[in-house]
Amino acid sequence: MMRTLGDGIFVQDGAAWEHSRALLRPNFVREQISDLDMEERHVQSLIKVLPVQSDGWTAETNIQTLFFRLTIDAATEFLFGDSVDSQIAESNAVSGGKKDELAFSQNFDSAQRVMAKGFRFADLYWLYNPKSYKENNRVVNDFVKHFVDLALEKGSREKKAEEGHRKYVFLEALAEQTQDPIELRAQLLNILLAGRDTTASLLSWLFHQLLRHPQVFENLRSAISDSFGSYDDPQDITFATLKGCQYLQACLNETNRLWPVVPGNARRSNKDTTLPRGGGPDGQSPVFIPAGTDVNYSIFVMHRRKDLWGEDAEEFKPERWAGKKPGWEYLPFNGGPRICIGQQFALTEASYVTVRLLQRFDAISASAHELEGTVTSNLTLTSCPARPVTLKLHEAKQ
């Protein structure tokens, strides 16, 4: 991972990781993730590329691509105070000296595929090093260089008198802590990965499932209409009300259960320890874990275990979340000290985008060909649908 992401929070441990986490945490307090005006601007850019035709339907669109553009726009504004505005239709090239977002996305995706294969080689990861990987990293680094330059520029200025009243920007805070462009690049790439890929993948899987479960779509749209009104006259959409819309959260939870964005993970023991279960003939005895042992675990498999979720564990049923408070059997954002600090940001963004889209459109449709076949995922560092989520949306009457 370090060949692409550098020495950032995802690959750090110990004091370095604690420093990075403490630096990031202020960006994810409720006051920061409640900026729905920012989300609305990017949702409007998304809706502009979904024009309604004379029959009331949009053209067939791969909405997964649109979600990835929306989330990089929101992530860059939220984290760096400046959006790449990749959704603006005039050009794929972003302004102000920034590099081409499309090239960044393609090369970042390619680099992630190399990293994912490297994981499978474990300690022999260096055996897989395609020539294209160097070019992938060059393009990704050129893209991030704009943000690094901006961070250094702002970090070299004296604090303004009103700085305490300005919104916290991760980029500016990081530039106050370090002037090292390599460290800046690493942290920015780590957060871009989290801010761009995870929410876009969650939204893509959600609409992938809604296409295949029309009754869930109807139930969800009804819940959204009851709670938040119409598209032209939205009512009381806040952090608290989004979190309190139970069926909306159930749909997101069920999507994260069946298709967790990070379907597997691992830990390495830093001292001799034991796991409480997993050993013995029946798997219920403790297991000794020597220091330095890698322990891999599959969240994807755990989320589908029938002994934990019932005989219908393989089915998409948001209703299973009514009154349910899951424990360690549900880990879409990991758990323990390294639990994802951005989970509420991701869920708030996914909730808001879903609400506004289902206020704007009252039906979704896809060809029978699109719905046929085995569902497969594209697994790099995160998981998203392997096939395009191609659909049409029908304009709602206001």
Protein backbone atom coordinates (compact mmCIF):
# COMPACT_ATOMS: atom_id res chain seq x y z
CA MET A 1 0.00 0.00 0.00
CA MET A 2 2.82 2.40 0.80
CA ARG A 3 3.95 2.44 -2.83
CA THR A 4 0.74 4.28 -3.70
CA LEU A 5 -0.66 5.68 -0.47
CA GLY A 6 2.62 6.47 1.26
CA ASP A 7 3.01 6.60 5.04
CA GLY A 8 -0.54 7.68 5.88
CA ILE A 9 -3.07 6.70 8.52
CA PHE A 10 -4.14 3.46 6.81
CA VAL A 11 -0.64 1.95 6.94
CA GLN A 12 0.55 3.43 10.23
CA ASP A 13 0.65 1.97 13.71
CA GLY A 14 1.65 3.09 17.17
CA ALA A 15 2.47 6.73 17.85
CA ALA A 16 2.36 7.74 14.17
CA TRP A 17 -1.15 6.34 13.80
CA GLU A 18 -2.31 8.00 17.02
CA HIS A 19 -0.98 11.34 15.75
CA SER A 20 -2.79 10.98 12.41
CA ARG A 21 -6.04 9.94 14.03
CA ALA A 22 -5.93 12.87 16.46
CA LEU A 23 -5.31 15.20 13.53
CA LEU A 24 -8.20 13.79 11.51
CA ARG A 25 -10.78 13.51 14.27
CA PRO A 26 -11.79 17.23 14.39
CA ASN A 27 -12.91 16.99 10.77
CA PHE A 28 -15.53 14.39 11.65
CA VAL A 29 -17.35 15.96 14.58
CA ARG A 30 -21.08 16.45 14.14
CA GLU A 31 -20.76 20.16 13.32
CA GLN A 32 -18.53 19.37 10.35
CA ILE A 33 -20.46 16.45 8.88
CA SER A 34 -23.76 18.33 9.18
CA ASP A 35 -22.92 20.67 6.27
CA LEU A 36 -25.78 19.56 4.05
CA ASP A 37 -25.63 22.76 2.00
CA MET A 38 -22.36 21.47 0.59
CA GLU A 39 -23.96 18.10 -0.18
CA GLU A 40 -26.88 19.84 -1.88
CA ARG A 41 -24.55 21.67 -4.28
CA HIS A 42 -23.01 18.40 -5.40
CA VAL A 43 -26.38 16.63 -5.61
CA GLN A 44 -27.60 19.41 -7.90
CA SER A 45 -24.59 18.82 -10.15
CA LEU A 46 -25.52 15.13 -10.24
CA ILE A 47 -29.15 15.84 -11.12
CA LYS A 48 -28.09 18.18 -13.95
CA VAL A 49 -26.52 15.23 -15.78
CA LEU A 50 -29.78 13.26 -15.42
CA PRO A 51 -32.07 15.23 -17.75
CA VAL A 52 -35.63 13.99 -18.07
CA GLN A 53 -36.86 13.14 -21.58
CA SER A 54 -40.32 13.69 -23.03
CA ASP A 55 -41.59 10.35 -21.68
CA GLY A 56 -40.68 11.36 -18.13
CA TRP A 57 -37.67 9.03 -17.92
CA THR A 58 -33.98 9.79 -17.99
CA ALA A 59 -31.73 8.08 -20.49
CA GLU A 60 -30.02 4.88 -19.40
CA THR A 61 -27.15 5.89 -17.13
CA ASN A 62 -24.42 4.11 -15.22
CA ILE A 63 -25.20 5.75 -11.91
CA GLN A 64 -22.15 4.17 -10.28
CA THR A 65 -19.89 6.45 -12.33
CA LEU A 66 -21.92 9.47 -11.25
CA PHE A 67 -21.68 8.47 -7.59
CA PHE A 68 -17.89 8.24 -7.80
CA ARG A 69 -17.73 11.74 -9.30
CA LEU A 70 -20.10 13.16 -6.69
CA THR A 71 -18.16 11.70 -3.79
CA ILE A 72 -14.78 12.95 -4.97
CA ASP A 73 -16.31 16.41 -5.38
CA ALA A 74 -17.72 16.34 -1.85
CA ALA A 75 -14.62 14.73 -0.33
CA THR A 76 -12.23 17.29 -1.76
CA GLU A 77 -14.38 20.21 -0.63
CA PHE A 78 -14.98 18.72 2.82
CA LEU A 79 -11.38 17.74 3.47
CA PHE A 80 -9.45 20.36 1.52
CA GLY A 81 -11.89 23.28 1.39
CA ASP A 82 -11.84 23.17 -2.42
CA SER A 83 -13.77 20.81 -4.71
CA VAL A 84 -12.42 19.39 -7.95
CA ASP A 85 -15.95 19.82 -9.39
CA SER A 86 -15.60 16.75 -11.58
CA GLN A 87 -19.33 16.72 -12.32
CA ILE A 88 -19.28 20.03 -14.18
CA ALA A 89 -20.21 19.09 -17.71
CA GLU A 90 -18.13 21.54 -19.73
CA SER A 91 -14.89 19.57 -19.39
CA ASN A 92 -13.33 16.63 -17.64
CA ALA A 93 -10.31 18.79 -16.85
CA VAL A 94 -10.58 20.63 -13.57
CA SER A 95 -9.58 24.26 -13.20
CA GLY A 96 -7.00 26.13 -11.18
CA GLY A 97 -4.00 24.01 -12.14
CA LYS A 98 -5.57 20.77 -10.88
CA LYS A 99 -5.02 17.66 -12.90
CA ASP A 100 -7.60 15.77 -14.91
CA GLU A 101 -10.06 14.05 -12.55
CA LEU A 102 -10.84 11.33 -15.06
CA ALA A 103 -7.16 10.40 -15.40
CA PHE A 104 -6.80 10.44 -11.62
CA SER A 105 -9.81 8.17 -11.15
CA GLN A 106 -8.66 5.68 -13.76
CA ASN A 107 -5.09 5.53 -12.49
CA PHE A 108 -6.13 5.45 -8.83
CA ASP A 109 -8.43 2.52 -9.64
CA SER A 110 -5.62 0.75 -11.50
CA ALA A 111 -3.21 1.31 -8.62
CA GLN A 112 -5.77 -0.12 -6.21
CA ARG A 113 -6.08 -3.25 -8.33
CA VAL A 114 -2.32 -3.72 -8.16
CA MET A 115 -2.36 -3.23 -4.39
CA ALA A 116 -5.23 -5.70 -4.02
CA LYS A 117 -3.32 -8.36 -5.96
CA GLY A 118 -0.24 -7.56 -3.91
CA PHE A 119 -2.19 -8.40 -0.75
CA ARG A 120 -2.84 -11.88 -2.13
CA PHE A 121 0.90 -12.41 -2.57
CA ALA A 122 1.44 -11.45 1.12
CA ASP A 123 5.19 -11.13 1.82
CA LEU A 124 5.92 -11.79 -1.86
CA TYR A 125 3.91 -8.75 -2.97
CA TRP A 126 6.97 -7.40 -4.79
CA LEU A 127 6.67 -10.19 -7.36
CA TYR A 128 3.65 -8.43 -8.83
CA ASN A 129 4.83 -5.07 -10.14
CA PRO A 130 3.41 -4.32 -13.61
CA LYS A 131 5.05 -1.57 -15.64
CA SER A 132 1.81 0.41 -15.65
CA TYR A 133 1.92 0.73 -11.85
CA LYS A 134 4.68 3.33 -11.98
CA GLU A 135 2.64 5.45 -14.40
CA ASN A 136 -0.47 5.00 -12.24
CA ASN A 137 1.39 6.38 -9.24
CA ARG A 138 2.84 9.27 -11.26
CA VAL A 139 -0.60 10.42 -12.41
CA VAL A 140 -2.06 10.06 -8.92
CA ASN A 141 0.82 12.02 -7.42
CA ASP A 142 0.50 14.79 -10.01
CA PHE A 143 -3.17 15.15 -9.15
CA VAL A 144 -2.52 15.41 -5.42
CA LYS A 145 0.40 17.81 -5.94
CA HIS A 146 -2.08 20.66 -6.36
CA PHE A 147 -3.43 20.04 -2.89
CA VAL A 148 0.04 19.64 -1.41
CA ASP A 149 1.10 22.98 -2.89
CA LEU A 150 -2.03 24.59 -1.51
CA ALA A 151 -1.41 23.13 1.93
CA LEU A 152 2.16 24.41 2.01
CA GLU A 153 1.08 27.82 0.80
CA LYS A 154 -1.58 28.16 3.47
CA GLY A 155 0.64 26.65 6.12
CA SER A 156 3.30 29.30 5.50
CA ARG A 157 0.91 32.18 6.15
CA GLU A 158 0.42 33.75 9.52
CA LYS A 159 -2.85 32.88 11.22
CA LYS A 160 -5.62 35.31 10.48
CA ALA A 161 -7.36 37.06 13.32
CA GLU A 162 -10.63 35.33 12.51
CA GLU A 163 -9.14 31.88 11.99
CA GLY A 164 -10.82 30.51 15.10
CA HIS A 165 -14.19 31.23 13.51
CA ARG A 166 -13.45 29.51 10.22
CA LYS A 167 -14.45 25.98 9.39
CA TYR A 168 -11.81 23.39 10.20
CA VAL A 169 -10.10 22.21 7.02
CA PHE A 170 -7.97 19.09 7.29
CA LEU A 171 -5.52 20.32 4.68
CA GLU A 172 -4.82 23.56 6.55
CA ALA A 173 -4.47 21.85 9.91
CA LEU A 174 -2.08 19.27 8.49
CA ALA A 175 0.07 21.99 6.89
CA GLU A 176 0.46 23.57 10.33
CA GLN A 177 1.86 20.27 11.64
CA THR A 178 4.25 19.40 8.83
CA GLN A 179 5.91 21.05 5.84
CA ASP A 180 7.02 17.70 4.45
CA PRO A 181 5.41 17.31 1.00
CA ILE A 182 5.81 13.52 1.15
CA GLU A 183 3.84 13.26 4.39
CA LEU A 184 1.22 15.68 3.09
CA ARG A 185 0.80 13.64 -0.08
CA ALA A 186 0.45 10.42 1.89
CA GLN A 187 -2.24 11.72 4.25
CA LEU A 188 -4.21 13.36 1.45
CA LEU A 189 -4.20 10.17 -0.63
CA ASN A 190 -5.29 8.11 2.36
CA ILE A 191 -8.25 10.38 3.02
CA LEU A 192 -9.15 10.69 -0.66
CA LEU A 193 -9.38 6.89 -0.81
CA ALA A 194 -11.76 6.84 2.14
CA GLY A 195 -13.79 9.87 1.09
CA ARG A 196 -14.22 8.91 -2.55
CA ASP A 197 -14.52 5.16 -2.74
CA THR A 198 -16.44 4.06 0.33
CA THR A 199 -19.55 6.23 0.02
CA ALA A 200 -19.72 5.82 -3.76
CA SER A 201 -19.56 2.05 -3.37
CA LEU A 202 -22.28 2.07 -0.70
CA LEU A 203 -24.60 4.15 -2.90
CA SER A 204 -23.85 1.95 -5.92
CA TRP A 205 -24.71 -1.23 -4.01
CA LEU A 206 -27.85 0.38 -2.59
CA PHE A 207 -29.24 1.27 -6.02
CA HIS A 208 -28.07 -2.09 -7.35
CA GLN A 209 -30.31 -3.70 -4.72
CA LEU A 210 -33.22 -1.27 -5.15
CA LEU A 211 -33.36 -2.19 -8.84
CA ARG A 212 -33.85 -5.83 -7.85
CA HIS A 213 -36.30 -5.15 -5.02
CA PRO A 214 -39.00 -2.78 -6.31
CA GLN A 215 -41.11 -3.11 -3.17
CA VAL A 216 -38.20 -1.94 -1.05
CA PHE A 217 -37.84 1.03 -3.39
CA GLU A 218 -41.52 1.87 -2.92
CA ASN A 219 -41.29 1.50 0.86
CA LEU A 220 -38.17 3.64 1.00
CA ARG A 221 -39.63 6.37 -1.17
CA SER A 222 -42.77 6.42 0.96
CA ALA A 223 -40.69 6.78 4.13
CA ILE A 224 -38.69 9.59 2.56
CA SER A 225 -41.81 11.44 1.39
CA ASP A 226 -43.39 11.15 4.83
CA SER A 227 -40.27 12.39 6.60
CA PHE A 228 -38.83 14.93 4.20
CA GLY A 229 -41.54 16.12 1.81
CA SER A 230 -41.08 16.66 -1.92
CA TYR A 231 -38.09 17.57 -4.05
CA ASP A 232 -39.23 21.15 -4.66
CA ASP A 233 -40.39 21.62 -1.07
CA PRO A 234 -38.00 19.60 1.11
CA GLN A 235 -38.69 19.67 4.82
CA ASP A 236 -36.44 19.30 7.85
CA ILE A 237 -33.51 17.45 6.26
CA THR A 238 -30.86 17.53 8.97
CA PHE A 239 -28.18 15.26 10.38
CA ALA A 240 -30.56 14.22 13.15
CA THR A 241 -33.61 13.58 10.96
CA LEU A 242 -31.60 11.59 8.42
CA LYS A 243 -30.24 9.45 11.22
CA GLY A 244 -33.75 9.14 12.66
CA CYS A 245 -35.41 7.94 9.42
CA GLN A 246 -35.51 4.29 10.41
CA TYR A 247 -36.33 2.68 7.07
CA LEU A 248 -33.68 4.73 5.27
CA GLN A 249 -31.07 3.64 7.79
CA ALA A 250 -32.33 0.06 7.57
CA CYS A 251 -31.77 0.07 3.81
CA LEU A 252 -28.24 1.40 4.24
CA ASN A 253 -27.51 -1.09 7.02
CA GLU A 254 -28.80 -4.00 4.96
CA THR A 255 -26.72 -2.87 1.99
CA ASN A 256 -23.64 -2.67 4.21
CA ARG A 257 -24.46 -6.11 5.60
CA LEU A 258 -24.72 -7.94 2.29
CA TRP A 259 -22.16 -5.89 0.40
CA PRO A 260 -19.71 -4.36 2.90
CA VAL A 261 -17.51 -1.82 1.19
CA VAL A 262 -14.46 -3.31 2.94
CA PRO A 263 -15.33 -7.04 2.87
CA GLY A 264 -12.18 -8.31 4.55
CA ASN A 265 -9.51 -7.11 6.92
CA ALA A 266 -6.58 -8.30 9.00
CA ARG A 267 -4.74 -7.67 12.23
CA ARG A 268 -1.22 -8.56 13.36
CA SER A 269 -0.62 -9.47 17.00
CA ASN A 270 2.05 -7.34 18.66
CA LYS A 271 2.33 -9.78 21.57
CA ASP A 272 1.27 -13.32 22.46
CA THR A 273 -2.48 -13.45 22.93
CA THR A 274 -5.52 -15.70 22.55
CA LEU A 275 -8.82 -15.55 20.74
CA PRO A 276 -11.75 -16.73 22.90
CA ARG A 277 -13.19 -19.09 20.28
CA GLY A 278 -12.21 -20.85 17.09
CA GLY A 279 -10.17 -23.78 18.38
CA GLY A 280 -10.91 -27.35 19.37
CA PRO A 281 -13.10 -29.93 17.61
CA ASP A 282 -16.22 -27.76 17.87
CA GLY A 283 -14.55 -24.39 17.26
CA GLN A 284 -15.54 -23.14 20.69
CA SER A 285 -12.17 -23.40 22.44
CA PRO A 286 -9.58 -20.59 22.69
CA VAL A 287 -6.93 -20.18 20.01
CA PHE A 288 -3.35 -19.19 20.84
CA ILE A 289 -1.98 -16.38 18.66
CA PRO A 290 1.80 -15.89 18.88
CA ALA A 291 3.27 -12.41 18.57
CA GLY A 292 3.73 -11.30 14.96
CA THR A 293 0.90 -13.46 13.59
CA ASP A 294 -1.35 -12.11 10.84
CA VAL A 295 -5.02 -12.83 11.50
CA ASN A 296 -7.30 -12.37 8.50
CA TYR A 297 -11.07 -12.20 8.78
CA SER A 298 -13.91 -11.96 6.28
CA ILE A 299 -16.61 -9.43 7.10
CA PHE A 300 -18.44 -10.51 3.94
CA VAL A 301 -18.75 -14.09 5.20
CA MET A 302 -19.62 -13.08 8.77
CA HIS A 303 -22.42 -10.80 7.55
CA ARG A 304 -24.02 -13.77 5.74
CA ARG A 305 -23.76 -16.38 8.47
CA LYS A 306 -27.13 -18.00 9.08
CA ASP A 307 -26.34 -18.71 12.73
CA LEU A 308 -26.01 -14.94 13.23
CA TRP A 309 -28.61 -13.55 10.81
CA GLY A 310 -31.13 -16.34 10.29
CA GLU A 311 -31.99 -18.65 7.42
CA ASP A 312 -32.67 -15.65 5.18
CA ALA A 313 -29.17 -14.24 5.70
CA GLU A 314 -28.49 -14.19 1.94
CA GLU A 315 -31.61 -12.12 1.22
CA PHE A 316 -31.90 -8.33 1.06
CA LYS A 317 -34.44 -7.52 3.78
CA PRO A 318 -34.19 -4.07 5.38
CA GLU A 319 -37.07 -5.04 7.67
CA ARG A 320 -34.70 -7.26 9.67
CA TRP A 321 -33.28 -4.07 11.21
CA ALA A 322 -36.49 -3.06 12.97
CA GLY A 323 -35.54 -2.75 16.63
CA LYS A 324 -32.17 -4.45 16.04
CA LYS A 325 -29.00 -3.19 17.71
CA PRO A 326 -26.17 -5.28 16.27
CA GLY A 327 -22.95 -6.08 18.07
CA TRP A 328 -19.70 -7.48 16.77
CA GLU A 329 -21.51 -9.56 14.15
CA TYR A 330 -21.90 -6.35 12.10
CA LEU A 331 -18.65 -4.59 11.18
CA PRO A 332 -19.04 -2.54 7.98
CA PHE A 333 -16.84 0.16 9.51
CA ASN A 334 -14.58 -2.19 11.46
CA GLY A 335 -14.43 -1.99 15.25
CA GLY A 336 -12.19 -1.33 18.19
CA PRO A 337 -9.57 1.44 18.31
CA ARG A 338 -9.29 1.53 14.51
CA ILE A 339 -13.00 1.87 13.85
CA CYS A 340 -13.63 4.19 10.91
CA ILE A 341 -13.72 7.77 12.19
CA GLY A 342 -15.55 8.87 9.05
CA GLN A 343 -18.49 6.46 9.30
CA GLN A 344 -21.04 9.13 10.23
CA PHE A 345 -19.84 11.33 7.38
CA ALA A 346 -20.27 8.43 4.95
CA LEU A 347 -23.73 7.51 6.25
CA THR A 348 -24.89 11.13 6.30
CA GLU A 349 -23.73 11.70 2.74
CA ALA A 350 -25.28 8.45 1.50
CA SER A 351 -28.52 9.27 3.33
CA TYR A 352 -28.76 12.78 1.91
CA VAL A 353 -28.02 11.73 -1.67
CA THR A 354 -30.61 8.94 -1.44
CA VAL A 355 -33.27 11.26 -0.03
CA ARG A 356 -32.82 13.90 -2.71
CA LEU A 357 -32.74 11.38 -5.56
CA LEU A 358 -35.90 9.61 -4.38
CA GLN A 359 -37.62 12.96 -3.94
CA ARG A 360 -36.71 13.84 -7.52
CA PHE A 361 -37.53 10.43 -9.06
CA ASP A 362 -40.42 8.09 -8.21
CA ALA A 363 -39.32 4.96 -10.10
CA ILE A 364 -36.21 3.24 -11.38
CA SER A 365 -35.92 0.70 -14.14
CA ALA A 366 -33.35 -1.46 -15.89
CA SER A 367 -33.51 -3.86 -18.81
CA ALA A 368 -33.94 -7.55 -18.11
CA HIS A 369 -30.44 -8.10 -19.46
CA GLU A 370 -29.02 -5.77 -16.81
CA LEU A 371 -30.74 -7.71 -14.02
CA GLU A 372 -29.74 -11.17 -15.22
CA GLY A 373 -26.72 -13.17 -14.19
CA THR A 374 -24.76 -13.69 -11.02
CA VAL A 375 -24.01 -10.62 -8.96
CA THR A 376 -20.27 -10.06 -8.77
CA SER A 377 -18.13 -7.44 -7.10
CA ASN A 378 -15.03 -5.59 -8.18
CA LEU A 379 -12.66 -5.95 -5.24
CA THR A 380 -9.66 -3.69 -4.92
CA LEU A 381 -9.17 -2.02 -1.54
CA THR A 382 -12.94 -1.57 -1.50
CA SER A 383 -15.81 -3.47 -3.09
CA CYS A 384 -18.27 -2.13 -5.65
CA PRO A 385 -20.50 -3.78 -8.28
CA ALA A 386 -18.35 -5.33 -11.01
CA ARG A 387 -20.90 -4.52 -13.70
CA PRO A 388 -22.19 -1.00 -14.35
CA VAL A 389 -25.30 -0.05 -12.38
CA THR A 390 -27.17 1.01 -15.50
CA LEU A 391 -30.68 2.33 -14.94
CA LYS A 392 -33.34 4.84 -15.90
CA LEU A 393 -35.13 7.10 -13.43
CA HIS A 394 -38.66 8.49 -13.73
CA GLU A 395 -39.40 12.08 -12.76
CA ALA A 396 -41.71 12.45 -9.78
CA LYS A 397 -44.72 14.73 -9.94
CA GLN A 398 -44.31 17.60 -7.49
